[in-house]
Amino acid sequence: MKRLILAAALAIFTLALPAGLLAQETKSEAASGESTTTKIWEWANFLILAGGLGYLVVKYAPPAFDARGRRIRKDMVEADEIRKTAEARMAEVERRLAHLGDEIAALRTEAQCEETAENTRFGRETEAEIAKIQARAEQEIAAAAKAARMELKRYAAELALDLAQEKLRTRITPETEDRLVRGFLKNLIQPPSSAEAG
């Protein structure tokens, strides 16, 4: 419907313009002496050209304008979406910046808590290591003391044996030795009777 109205308006304009110009030309033609037929053909040619251009404009301009309008609307919608996205990002950045001090304070507090926990854990581990080292040292001291006592007992036993041997050598004379050997041999040959043993 719009096309039909546009085509009719264009046709009326095209026809009215040459008619007015033709009347004006007729007046000037008489003055100039040109032939009316040539002018009519020029105007007919102009009308055909204008009609063709009007037809082409009526046929192809609205779809082109519609397509362009759709593209512009689409671009406007996309631009609006991009603007909204950018505004949302900007609001998020502003929100983060507003809470940045709080986040930094929270991070500092968390770092201090972690440092305290780490120091406590390190202290416990150090105490445990010290306890292990002390236990190991006590075990080594106990083992060394035991070894020293054993060495002392062995030395004391050797000393006692040496002393006993020395006493025996001084007390046992060759006569006592002979008597002991004879008594031993006698006991070997004649075992003591049960009455004598009891």
Protein backbone atom coordinates (compact mmCIF):
# COMPACT_ATOMS: atom_id res chain seq x y z
CA MET A 1 0.00 0.00 0.00
CA LYS A 2 2.83 2.38 0.88
CA ARG A 3 4.51 1.57 -2.38
CA LEU A 4 1.38 2.33 -4.36
CA ILE A 5 0.96 5.73 -2.70
CA LEU A 6 4.64 6.51 -3.21
CA ALA A 7 4.43 5.49 -6.89
CA ALA A 8 1.31 7.62 -7.46
CA ALA A 9 2.91 10.67 -5.80
CA LEU A 10 6.03 10.23 -7.88
CA ALA A 11 4.00 9.89 -11.09
CA ILE A 12 1.96 13.04 -10.35
CA PHE A 13 5.12 14.97 -9.55
CA THR A 14 6.79 13.71 -12.68
CA LEU A 15 3.81 14.63 -14.85
CA ALA A 16 3.16 18.00 -13.22
CA LEU A 17 6.71 19.17 -13.46
CA PRO A 18 7.10 18.65 -17.22
CA ALA A 19 3.65 20.13 -17.92
CA GLY A 20 4.61 23.32 -16.11
CA LEU A 21 7.98 23.34 -17.74
CA LEU A 22 6.38 22.57 -21.11
CA ALA A 23 4.08 25.59 -20.79
CA GLN A 24 7.03 27.74 -19.87
CA GLU A 25 9.03 26.28 -22.69
CA THR A 26 6.26 26.94 -25.15
CA LYS A 27 6.47 30.64 -24.34
CA SER A 28 10.19 30.71 -24.66
CA GLU A 29 10.04 28.51 -27.76
CA ALA A 30 8.14 31.03 -29.67
CA ALA A 31 10.85 33.46 -28.76
CA SER A 32 13.69 31.14 -29.68
CA GLY A 33 12.13 29.60 -32.71
CA GLU A 34 12.85 25.97 -31.88
CA SER A 35 10.47 23.30 -32.93
CA THR A 36 7.84 22.12 -30.56
CA THR A 37 8.20 18.53 -31.65
CA THR A 38 11.79 18.33 -30.55
CA LYS A 39 10.89 19.71 -27.19
CA ILE A 40 8.04 17.23 -26.81
CA TRP A 41 10.39 14.34 -27.55
CA GLU A 42 12.90 15.68 -25.04
CA TRP A 43 10.15 15.89 -22.46
CA ALA A 44 8.85 12.43 -23.37
CA ASN A 45 12.39 11.12 -23.03
CA PHE A 46 12.69 12.88 -19.68
CA LEU A 47 9.36 11.41 -18.53
CA ILE A 48 10.40 7.90 -19.52
CA LEU A 49 13.71 8.33 -17.72
CA ALA A 50 12.05 9.84 -14.65
CA GLY A 51 9.36 7.12 -14.69
CA GLY A 52 12.02 4.41 -14.93
CA LEU A 53 14.00 5.97 -12.13
CA GLY A 54 10.80 6.37 -10.11
CA TYR A 55 9.91 2.73 -10.72
CA LEU A 56 13.38 1.58 -9.68
CA VAL A 57 13.28 3.77 -6.60
CA VAL A 58 9.81 2.51 -5.69
CA LYS A 59 10.78 -1.12 -6.31
CA TYR A 60 14.25 -1.27 -4.74
CA ALA A 61 14.47 1.60 -2.27
CA PRO A 62 11.95 0.33 0.34
CA PRO A 63 13.57 -3.14 0.67
CA ALA A 64 17.00 -1.54 0.85
CA PHE A 65 15.78 0.97 3.42
CA ASP A 66 14.04 -1.84 5.34
CA ALA A 67 17.20 -3.96 5.29
CA ARG A 68 19.27 -0.98 6.35
CA GLY A 69 16.75 -0.18 9.09
CA ARG A 70 16.89 -3.79 10.32
CA ARG A 71 20.69 -3.64 10.32
CA ILE A 72 20.64 -0.38 12.22
CA ARG A 73 18.14 -1.77 14.74
CA LYS A 74 20.24 -4.93 15.10
CA ASP A 75 23.38 -2.84 15.58
CA MET A 76 21.55 -0.69 18.13
CA VAL A 77 20.42 -3.80 20.04
CA GLU A 78 23.97 -5.20 19.96
CA ALA A 79 25.38 -1.85 21.04
CA ASP A 80 22.86 -1.73 23.87
CA GLU A 81 23.86 -5.25 24.97
CA ILE A 82 27.55 -4.32 24.79
CA ARG A 83 26.84 -1.17 26.79
CA LYS A 84 24.92 -3.16 29.42
CA THR A 85 27.75 -5.72 29.61
CA ALA A 86 30.31 -2.95 29.94
CA GLU A 87 28.22 -1.25 32.64
CA ALA A 88 27.91 -4.56 34.51
CA ARG A 89 31.67 -5.09 34.29
CA MET A 90 32.29 -1.55 35.40
CA ALA A 91 29.90 -1.98 38.34
CA GLU A 92 31.72 -5.20 39.28
CA VAL A 93 35.09 -3.45 39.08
CA GLU A 94 33.78 -0.56 41.18
CA ARG A 95 32.34 -3.02 43.70
CA ARG A 96 35.68 -4.82 43.89
CA LEU A 97 37.53 -1.55 44.25
CA ALA A 98 35.14 -0.49 47.01
CA HIS A 99 35.81 -3.75 48.87
CA LEU A 100 39.53 -3.85 48.03
CA GLY A 101 40.51 -2.43 51.42
CA ASP A 102 38.38 -5.05 53.17
CA GLU A 103 39.89 -7.82 51.03
CA ILE A 104 43.42 -6.59 51.77
CA ALA A 105 42.65 -6.47 55.50
CA ALA A 106 41.16 -9.98 55.30
CA LEU A 107 44.24 -11.24 53.45
CA ARG A 108 46.53 -9.65 56.05
CA THR A 109 44.52 -11.21 58.88
CA GLU A 110 44.59 -14.58 57.14
CA ALA A 111 48.35 -14.28 56.57
CA GLN A 112 48.89 -13.42 60.25
CA CYS A 113 46.76 -16.38 61.31
CA GLU A 114 48.70 -18.66 58.99
CA GLU A 115 52.00 -17.26 60.29
CA THR A 116 50.89 -17.84 63.89
CA ALA A 117 49.76 -21.37 63.05
CA GLU A 118 53.03 -22.01 61.22
CA ASN A 119 55.05 -20.69 64.17
CA THR A 120 53.05 -22.86 66.56
CA ARG A 121 53.51 -25.91 64.34
CA PHE A 122 57.22 -25.14 63.98
CA GLY A 123 57.50 -24.79 67.77
CA ARG A 124 55.77 -28.14 68.32
CA GLU A 125 58.00 -29.82 65.74
CA THR A 126 61.09 -28.26 67.35
CA GLU A 127 59.99 -29.46 70.78
CA ALA A 128 59.35 -32.94 69.38
CA GLU A 129 62.79 -32.99 67.74
CA ILE A 130 64.41 -31.80 70.98
CA ALA A 131 62.55 -34.54 72.88
CA LYS A 132 63.74 -37.14 70.35
CA ILE A 133 67.32 -35.89 70.59
CA GLN A 134 67.14 -35.95 74.41
CA ALA A 135 65.68 -39.46 74.37
CA ARG A 136 68.40 -40.62 71.97
CA ALA A 137 71.08 -38.94 74.10
CA GLU A 138 69.68 -40.55 77.25
CA GLN A 139 69.66 -43.94 75.51
CA GLU A 140 73.25 -43.43 74.36
CA ILE A 141 74.27 -42.31 77.86
CA ALA A 142 72.51 -45.34 79.38
CA ALA A 143 74.18 -47.63 76.85
CA ALA A 144 77.57 -46.04 77.53
CA ALA A 145 77.01 -46.33 81.30
CA LYS A 146 76.00 -49.97 80.90
CA ALA A 147 79.07 -50.63 78.77
CA ALA A 148 81.24 -48.83 81.35
CA ARG A 149 79.69 -50.91 84.18
CA MET A 150 80.29 -54.10 82.21
CA GLU A 151 83.86 -53.02 81.53
CA LEU A 152 84.27 -52.16 85.22
CA LYS A 153 82.87 -55.55 86.26
CA ARG A 154 85.14 -57.34 83.80
CA TYR A 155 88.10 -55.35 85.05
CA ALA A 156 87.12 -56.03 88.65
CA ALA A 157 86.77 -59.74 87.87
CA GLU A 158 90.18 -59.82 86.20
CA LEU A 159 91.66 -57.95 89.13
CA ALA A 160 90.01 -60.36 91.58
CA LEU A 161 91.37 -63.35 89.63
CA ASP A 162 94.83 -61.84 89.51
CA LEU A 163 94.65 -61.17 93.24
CA ALA A 164 93.39 -64.70 93.95
CA GLN A 165 96.14 -66.19 91.83
CA GLU A 166 98.70 -64.11 93.64
CA LYS A 167 97.34 -65.24 97.03
CA LEU A 168 97.32 -68.83 95.94
CA ARG A 169 100.88 -68.62 94.76
CA THR A 170 101.99 -67.15 98.04
CA ARG A 171 100.07 -69.68 100.19
CA ILE A 172 100.64 -72.81 98.20
CA THR A 173 104.06 -74.21 98.68
CA PRO A 174 105.38 -77.22 96.83
CA GLU A 175 104.53 -79.51 99.84
CA THR A 176 100.94 -78.19 99.96
CA GLU A 177 100.65 -78.70 96.27
CA ASP A 178 101.84 -82.30 96.54
CA ARG A 179 99.39 -82.99 99.35
CA LEU A 180 96.47 -81.53 97.37
CA VAL A 181 97.36 -83.57 94.30
CA ARG A 182 97.61 -86.79 96.33
CA GLY A 183 94.30 -86.11 98.03
CA PHE A 184 92.66 -85.46 94.67
CA LEU A 185 94.07 -88.66 93.23
CA LYS A 186 93.02 -90.63 96.23
CA ASN A 187 89.49 -89.34 95.88
CA LEU A 188 89.52 -90.33 92.27
CA ILE A 189 90.61 -93.86 92.99
CA GLN A 190 88.50 -94.41 96.05
CA PRO A 191 85.35 -92.49 96.02
CA PRO A 192 84.20 -91.43 99.43
CA SER A 193 81.53 -93.60 101.01
CA SER A 194 77.99 -92.28 101.33
CA ALA A 195 78.38 -92.06 105.09
CA GLU A 196 81.55 -89.96 104.73
CA ALA A 197 79.94 -87.74 102.03
CA GLY A 198 76.90 -87.03 104.24
